[in-house]
């Protein structure tokens, strides 16, 4: 009985082994019954969906890239800050309280003398700019200051009042007789002075010397002031071409007028003795001469008598009231 049981167990074990080693039967191949070639069978592919591990790897890679970009930006920013710290901030050169007549061409001359139009914003540079501007005749009492935004130039401006010619070349002079280079200035009335004695010519930026130059400047200053008070909209000096001082103090002829104002049409206005010397030469006072000249101008609207058929000349030397007596100088 026991032997039969062992035989039964042994058969059962063998059957199990045989079943494990038996290969699976292949399914019969499908037969194509349609028209044309048999379509290619599709192979199963693995899913391309990323698993949790791949997603984590992508996130880590993206974070590394972002950190690299940020680190590179900080490096360039640090280098930029170092350059700014080393060189200093830069700002424009500004002419503070620049007068309206001081045109762009004159401004360019100032920039050229200063050394440029933009500078580092520090006091060392400001002092250097001030030293450079000492060479330009158009400015005096120059003060330069560097602010956080610009380099500011504060100065007094030399405004030309007359023009002279030296060896055929035009120059300006201001109220202090300082010689200035010629630059076309459309916003100013500038009268030419003729007949002055040509002595030693000073360098540009230095004053001209001579009684004739002084007399012309004094007379022009008085007439300019009268224009501002009496005829600001149509200045009388706008019709004046030149002032002739060749016979100052009668050095050529005692009978001829010492100073002559020439209108643009050639009309001669006989002013006479230099301003402040009328009584010495028994002429109308300076106040009378100014009053007669501006009364004529307002009455006729012009001093260009030849063009308008008014007269051949205008005489201002004859006193209209009491005859002045000579006085001690």
Protein backbone atom coordinates (compact mmCIF):
# COMPACT_ATOMS: atom_id res chain seq x y z
CA UNK A 1 0.00 0.00 0.00
CA UNK A 2 2.82 2.30 0.86
CA UNK A 3 4.59 1.37 -2.36
CA UNK A 4 1.55 2.37 -4.41
CA UNK A 5 1.42 5.70 -2.71
CA UNK A 6 5.06 6.36 -3.62
CA UNK A 7 4.42 5.42 -7.22
CA UNK A 8 1.50 7.82 -7.35
CA UNK A 9 3.54 10.72 -5.94
CA UNK A 10 6.37 10.00 -8.39
CA UNK A 11 4.02 10.07 -11.41
CA UNK A 12 2.50 13.27 -10.25
CA UNK A 13 5.91 14.89 -9.91
CA UNK A 14 6.98 13.80 -13.38
CA UNK A 15 3.81 15.18 -14.92
CA UNK A 16 4.51 18.58 -13.33
CA UNK A 17 8.06 18.63 -14.70
CA UNK A 18 6.91 17.70 -18.18
CA UNK A 19 4.29 20.46 -18.18
CA UNK A 20 6.93 23.11 -17.21
CA UNK A 21 9.29 22.07 -19.98
CA UNK A 22 6.60 21.92 -22.65
CA UNK A 23 6.86 24.93 -25.05
CA UNK A 24 3.93 27.10 -25.85
CA UNK A 25 2.42 26.35 -29.18
CA UNK A 26 2.71 29.21 -31.71
CA UNK A 27 -0.43 30.68 -32.97
CA UNK A 28 -1.02 30.01 -36.61
CA UNK A 29 0.02 32.95 -38.84
CA UNK A 30 -2.74 35.05 -40.14
CA UNK A 31 -3.45 34.69 -43.81
CA UNK A 32 -4.04 37.77 -46.01
CA UNK A 33 -7.09 37.46 -48.23
CA UNK A 34 -7.35 41.11 -49.40
CA UNK A 35 -6.20 42.73 -52.62
CA UNK A 36 -2.67 44.09 -52.98
CA UNK A 37 0.33 43.44 -50.75
CA UNK A 38 -0.10 42.37 -47.21
CA UNK A 39 0.13 45.32 -44.80
CA UNK A 40 3.07 45.35 -42.44
CA UNK A 41 2.29 44.15 -38.99
CA UNK A 42 2.72 46.71 -36.24
CA UNK A 43 5.15 45.96 -33.54
CA UNK A 44 4.30 46.83 -30.06
CA UNK A 45 6.46 49.64 -28.69
CA UNK A 46 7.16 50.53 -25.15
CA UNK A 47 5.41 53.49 -23.70
CA UNK A 48 7.32 56.74 -24.16
CA UNK A 49 5.83 58.26 -21.12
CA UNK A 50 8.51 59.29 -18.68
CA UNK A 51 8.44 57.62 -15.39
CA UNK A 52 8.86 59.38 -12.04
CA UNK A 53 12.64 58.98 -12.14
CA UNK A 54 13.01 60.66 -15.52
CA UNK A 55 10.79 63.59 -14.48
CA UNK A 56 12.95 64.22 -11.43
CA UNK A 57 16.09 64.14 -13.58
CA UNK A 58 14.61 66.72 -15.99
CA UNK A 59 13.64 69.04 -13.13
CA UNK A 60 17.13 68.82 -11.62
CA UNK A 61 18.75 69.55 -15.01
CA UNK A 62 16.49 72.59 -15.54
CA UNK A 63 17.36 73.97 -12.11
CA UNK A 64 21.07 73.54 -12.80
CA UNK A 65 20.71 75.49 -16.07
CA UNK A 66 18.84 78.33 -14.35
CA UNK A 67 21.43 78.57 -11.60
CA UNK A 68 24.21 78.66 -14.20
CA UNK A 69 22.55 81.54 -16.05
CA UNK A 70 22.02 83.50 -12.83
CA UNK A 71 25.63 82.94 -11.76
CA UNK A 72 26.88 84.16 -15.16
CA UNK A 73 24.74 87.30 -14.85
CA UNK A 74 26.19 88.06 -11.44
CA UNK A 75 29.71 87.71 -12.84
CA UNK A 76 29.04 90.23 -15.63
CA UNK A 77 27.27 92.60 -13.21
CA UNK A 78 30.23 92.46 -10.85
CA UNK A 79 32.61 93.30 -13.69
CA UNK A 80 30.38 96.24 -14.76
CA UNK A 81 30.30 97.63 -11.21
CA UNK A 82 34.08 97.29 -11.01
CA UNK A 83 34.46 99.26 -14.27
CA UNK A 84 32.14 102.02 -13.03
CA UNK A 85 33.96 102.18 -9.71
CA UNK A 86 37.33 102.35 -11.41
CA UNK A 87 36.47 105.01 -14.02
CA UNK A 88 33.83 107.09 -12.18
CA UNK A 89 30.47 108.28 -13.45
CA UNK A 90 30.42 110.39 -16.60
CA UNK A 91 28.21 113.42 -17.25
CA UNK A 92 27.81 116.29 -19.73
CA UNK A 93 29.43 119.72 -19.53
CA UNK A 94 26.74 122.36 -18.94
CA UNK A 95 27.10 126.14 -19.31
CA UNK A 96 24.94 127.52 -16.51
CA UNK A 97 23.10 130.83 -17.17
CA UNK A 98 24.34 130.89 -20.74
CA UNK A 99 23.12 134.11 -22.44
CA UNK A 100 20.79 133.81 -25.40
CA UNK A 101 23.18 135.47 -27.85
CA UNK A 102 25.89 132.87 -27.04
CA UNK A 103 25.17 130.63 -30.02
CA UNK A 104 26.08 127.00 -30.74
CA UNK A 105 29.27 127.87 -32.56
CA UNK A 106 30.56 129.70 -29.49
CA UNK A 107 29.41 126.79 -27.34
CA UNK A 108 31.46 124.39 -29.46
CA UNK A 109 34.51 126.59 -28.93
CA UNK A 110 33.98 126.33 -25.18
CA UNK A 111 33.68 122.52 -25.36
CA UNK A 112 36.84 122.34 -27.45
CA UNK A 113 38.75 124.49 -24.97
CA UNK A 114 37.43 122.44 -22.04
CA UNK A 115 38.56 119.20 -23.67
CA UNK A 116 35.20 117.69 -24.62
CA UNK A 117 31.50 117.70 -23.79
CA UNK A 118 31.47 114.78 -21.29
CA UNK A 119 33.68 114.27 -18.26
CA UNK A 120 34.10 112.10 -15.20
CA UNK A 121 32.13 113.57 -12.29
CA UNK A 122 34.80 114.38 -9.75
CA UNK A 123 36.51 117.49 -8.41
CA UNK A 124 39.87 116.67 -9.96
CA UNK A 125 38.33 116.77 -13.41
CA UNK A 126 36.40 119.94 -12.51
CA UNK A 127 39.64 121.72 -11.62
CA UNK A 128 41.24 120.56 -14.87
CA UNK A 129 38.27 121.87 -16.88
CA UNK A 130 38.48 125.24 -15.10
CA UNK A 131 42.19 125.48 -15.96
CA UNK A 132 41.45 124.64 -19.61
CA UNK A 133 38.75 127.32 -19.85
CA UNK A 134 41.19 130.01 -18.79
CA UNK A 135 42.45 129.95 -22.38
CA UNK A 136 39.14 131.02 -23.94
CA UNK A 137 38.61 134.78 -24.20
CA UNK A 138 34.81 134.65 -24.15
CA UNK A 139 34.62 133.70 -20.47
CA UNK A 140 36.01 135.15 -17.25
CA UNK A 141 35.51 134.53 -13.52
CA UNK A 142 35.10 130.85 -14.41
CA UNK A 143 33.93 128.44 -11.70
CA UNK A 144 33.51 124.72 -12.43
CA UNK A 145 31.74 122.22 -10.17
CA UNK A 146 31.11 118.49 -10.57
CA UNK A 147 27.65 117.38 -9.40
CA UNK A 148 26.16 113.89 -9.34
CA UNK A 149 24.77 114.38 -12.86
CA UNK A 150 26.95 116.90 -14.74
CA UNK A 151 29.94 119.22 -14.77
CA UNK A 152 28.59 122.75 -14.34
CA UNK A 153 30.39 125.84 -15.63
CA UNK A 154 29.45 129.22 -14.16
CA UNK A 155 31.14 132.24 -15.67
CA UNK A 156 30.80 135.81 -16.87
CA UNK A 157 30.42 136.13 -20.65
CA UNK A 158 32.14 138.81 -22.71
CA UNK A 159 29.51 140.31 -25.00
CA UNK A 160 30.96 142.07 -28.05
CA UNK A 161 29.89 145.66 -28.58
CA UNK A 162 32.01 146.63 -31.58
CA UNK A 163 33.95 145.11 -34.45
CA UNK A 164 37.40 146.19 -35.66
CA UNK A 165 39.67 145.02 -38.45
CA UNK A 166 43.33 144.22 -37.96
CA UNK A 167 45.32 143.54 -41.14
CA UNK A 168 42.03 142.85 -42.91
CA UNK A 169 40.88 140.32 -40.31
CA UNK A 170 37.74 140.97 -38.24
CA UNK A 171 37.76 140.91 -34.44
CA UNK A 172 35.34 141.91 -31.70
CA UNK A 173 35.89 144.05 -28.63
CA UNK A 174 33.71 144.12 -25.54
CA UNK A 175 32.96 146.97 -23.13
CA UNK A 176 36.33 146.44 -21.45
CA UNK A 177 38.09 146.73 -24.85
CA UNK A 178 39.07 143.03 -24.64
CA UNK A 179 39.91 141.59 -28.05
CA UNK A 180 37.70 138.65 -29.06
CA UNK A 181 37.86 136.33 -32.08
CA UNK A 182 35.27 136.91 -34.77
CA UNK A 183 32.29 134.53 -34.86
CA UNK A 184 29.04 135.40 -36.66
CA UNK A 185 26.45 136.38 -34.01
CA UNK A 186 23.04 137.14 -35.48
CA UNK A 187 21.30 138.07 -32.22
CA UNK A 188 23.49 141.10 -31.45
CA UNK A 189 23.82 144.53 -33.07
CA UNK A 190 27.56 145.04 -33.49
CA UNK A 191 28.84 148.27 -35.02
CA UNK A 192 32.21 148.54 -36.73
CA UNK A 193 34.76 151.04 -35.41
CA UNK A 194 36.92 152.71 -38.08
CA UNK A 195 39.83 155.12 -38.04
CA UNK A 196 41.43 154.05 -34.75
CA UNK A 197 45.17 154.29 -34.45
CA UNK A 198 46.71 150.88 -34.99
CA UNK A 199 49.39 150.47 -32.38
CA UNK A 200 50.65 147.28 -30.84
CA UNK A 201 47.96 144.63 -31.29
CA UNK A 202 47.37 142.62 -28.10
CA UNK A 203 46.72 138.87 -28.17
CA UNK A 204 43.13 137.67 -28.11
CA UNK A 205 41.77 137.92 -24.59
CA UNK A 206 43.77 141.05 -23.76
CA UNK A 207 42.41 144.65 -23.89
CA UNK A 208 43.00 147.06 -26.73
CA UNK A 209 44.55 150.39 -25.72
CA UNK A 210 43.97 153.84 -27.17
CA UNK A 211 41.79 156.90 -26.60
CA UNK A 212 39.98 156.38 -29.89
CA UNK A 213 38.90 152.84 -28.99
CA UNK A 214 37.80 154.03 -25.54
CA UNK A 215 35.80 156.92 -27.07
CA UNK A 216 34.02 154.60 -29.52
CA UNK A 217 33.12 152.10 -26.81
CA UNK A 218 31.81 154.82 -24.49
CA UNK A 219 29.58 156.31 -27.20
CA UNK A 220 28.28 152.88 -28.26
CA UNK A 221 27.50 152.02 -24.65
CA UNK A 222 25.43 155.23 -24.26
CA UNK A 223 23.50 154.62 -27.49
CA UNK A 224 22.90 150.99 -26.59
CA UNK A 225 21.47 152.04 -23.25
CA UNK A 226 19.21 154.60 -24.95
CA UNK A 227 17.93 151.91 -27.32
CA UNK A 228 16.98 149.75 -24.35
CA UNK A 229 15.09 152.63 -22.72
CA UNK A 230 13.64 154.54 -25.66
CA UNK A 231 13.45 152.27 -28.72
CA UNK A 232 13.72 148.63 -27.61
CA UNK A 233 11.61 147.24 -30.48
CA UNK A 234 13.50 149.05 -33.25
CA UNK A 235 16.93 150.04 -31.94
CA UNK A 236 18.58 153.03 -33.57
CA UNK A 237 21.90 151.17 -33.61
CA UNK A 238 20.29 148.72 -36.01
CA UNK A 239 20.64 151.38 -38.71
CA UNK A 240 24.26 152.26 -37.86
CA UNK A 241 27.04 150.79 -39.99
CA UNK A 242 30.12 152.27 -38.32
CA UNK A 243 31.63 154.88 -36.05
CA UNK A 244 34.61 156.82 -37.41
CA UNK A 245 37.11 158.06 -34.79
CA UNK A 246 39.90 158.97 -37.21
CA UNK A 247 39.67 162.70 -36.30
CA UNK A 248 39.39 162.22 -32.53
CA UNK A 249 40.37 165.45 -30.72
CA UNK A 250 40.82 167.11 -34.11
CA UNK A 251 44.07 165.31 -34.81
CA UNK A 252 43.47 165.60 -38.57
CA UNK A 253 41.31 168.74 -38.78
CA UNK A 254 39.98 171.07 -36.08
CA UNK A 255 36.98 172.02 -38.19
CA UNK A 256 35.77 168.56 -39.01
CA UNK A 257 33.70 166.59 -36.50
CA UNK A 258 35.85 164.52 -34.16
CA UNK A 259 33.51 161.51 -34.24
CA UNK A 260 31.14 160.62 -37.08
CA UNK A 261 28.34 158.04 -36.94
CA UNK A 262 27.70 156.50 -40.37
CA UNK A 263 24.25 155.12 -41.17
CA UNK A 264 23.93 152.04 -43.35
CA UNK A 265 22.88 154.12 -46.38
CA UNK A 266 25.90 156.43 -46.03
CA UNK A 267 24.19 159.25 -44.14
CA UNK A 268 26.75 161.07 -41.98
CA UNK A 269 25.74 161.97 -38.41
CA UNK A 270 28.16 164.53 -36.96
CA UNK A 271 28.46 163.65 -33.31
CA UNK A 272 31.49 165.80 -32.62
CA UNK A 273 33.75 165.63 -29.58
CA UNK A 274 34.17 162.43 -27.61
CA UNK A 275 31.51 161.72 -24.99
CA UNK A 276 32.32 163.81 -21.94
CA UNK A 277 34.40 166.40 -23.86
CA UNK A 278 31.68 168.48 -25.54
CA UNK A 279 31.97 171.51 -23.25
CA UNK A 280 35.69 171.71 -23.86
CA UNK A 281 35.05 172.21 -27.59
CA UNK A 282 31.99 174.51 -27.18
CA UNK A 283 29.53 171.97 -28.57
CA UNK A 284 26.09 170.85 -27.51
CA UNK A 285 26.16 168.80 -24.36
CA UNK A 286 26.16 165.02 -24.57
CA UNK A 287 22.57 164.97 -23.28
CA UNK A 288 21.49 167.44 -25.99
CA UNK A 289 23.16 165.37 -28.70
CA UNK A 290 21.46 162.19 -27.54
CA UNK A 291 18.08 163.95 -27.29
CA UNK A 292 18.37 165.50 -30.78
CA UNK A 293 19.42 162.21 -32.35
CA UNK A 294 16.59 160.18 -30.85
CA UNK A 295 14.01 162.90 -31.46
CA UNK A 296 14.94 162.86 -35.15
CA UNK A 297 14.80 159.07 -35.23
CA UNK A 298 11.36 158.91 -33.61
CA UNK A 299 9.99 161.70 -35.79
CA UNK A 300 11.13 160.22 -39.10
CA UNK A 301 11.39 156.54 -38.13
CA UNK A 302 14.92 156.35 -39.54
CA UNK A 303 18.36 157.96 -39.61
CA UNK A 304 19.00 156.84 -43.20
CA UNK A 305 18.32 160.25 -44.66
CA UNK A 306 19.87 159.76 -48.09
CA UNK A 307 17.72 156.75 -48.95
CA UNK A 308 14.56 158.47 -47.72
CA UNK A 309 15.35 161.94 -49.13
CA UNK A 310 15.33 163.61 -45.71
CA UNK A 311 18.73 165.32 -45.63
CA UNK A 312 22.34 164.96 -46.66
CA UNK A 313 23.58 164.64 -43.08
CA UNK A 314 22.50 165.12 -39.44
CA UNK A 315 24.29 167.78 -37.37
CA UNK A 316 24.42 167.31 -33.59
CA UNK A 317 27.28 169.63 -32.57
CA UNK A 318 25.34 172.90 -32.46
CA UNK A 319 23.94 173.66 -29.00
CA UNK A 320 20.16 174.13 -28.86
CA UNK A 321 20.03 175.97 -25.54
CA UNK A 322 22.70 177.94 -23.77
CA UNK A 323 26.21 177.79 -25.20
CA UNK A 324 28.34 175.68 -22.86
CA UNK A 325 31.51 177.19 -21.47
CA UNK A 326 34.87 175.38 -21.47
CA UNK A 327 35.61 173.69 -18.17
CA UNK A 328 38.75 172.25 -16.71
CA UNK A 329 39.28 168.58 -17.58
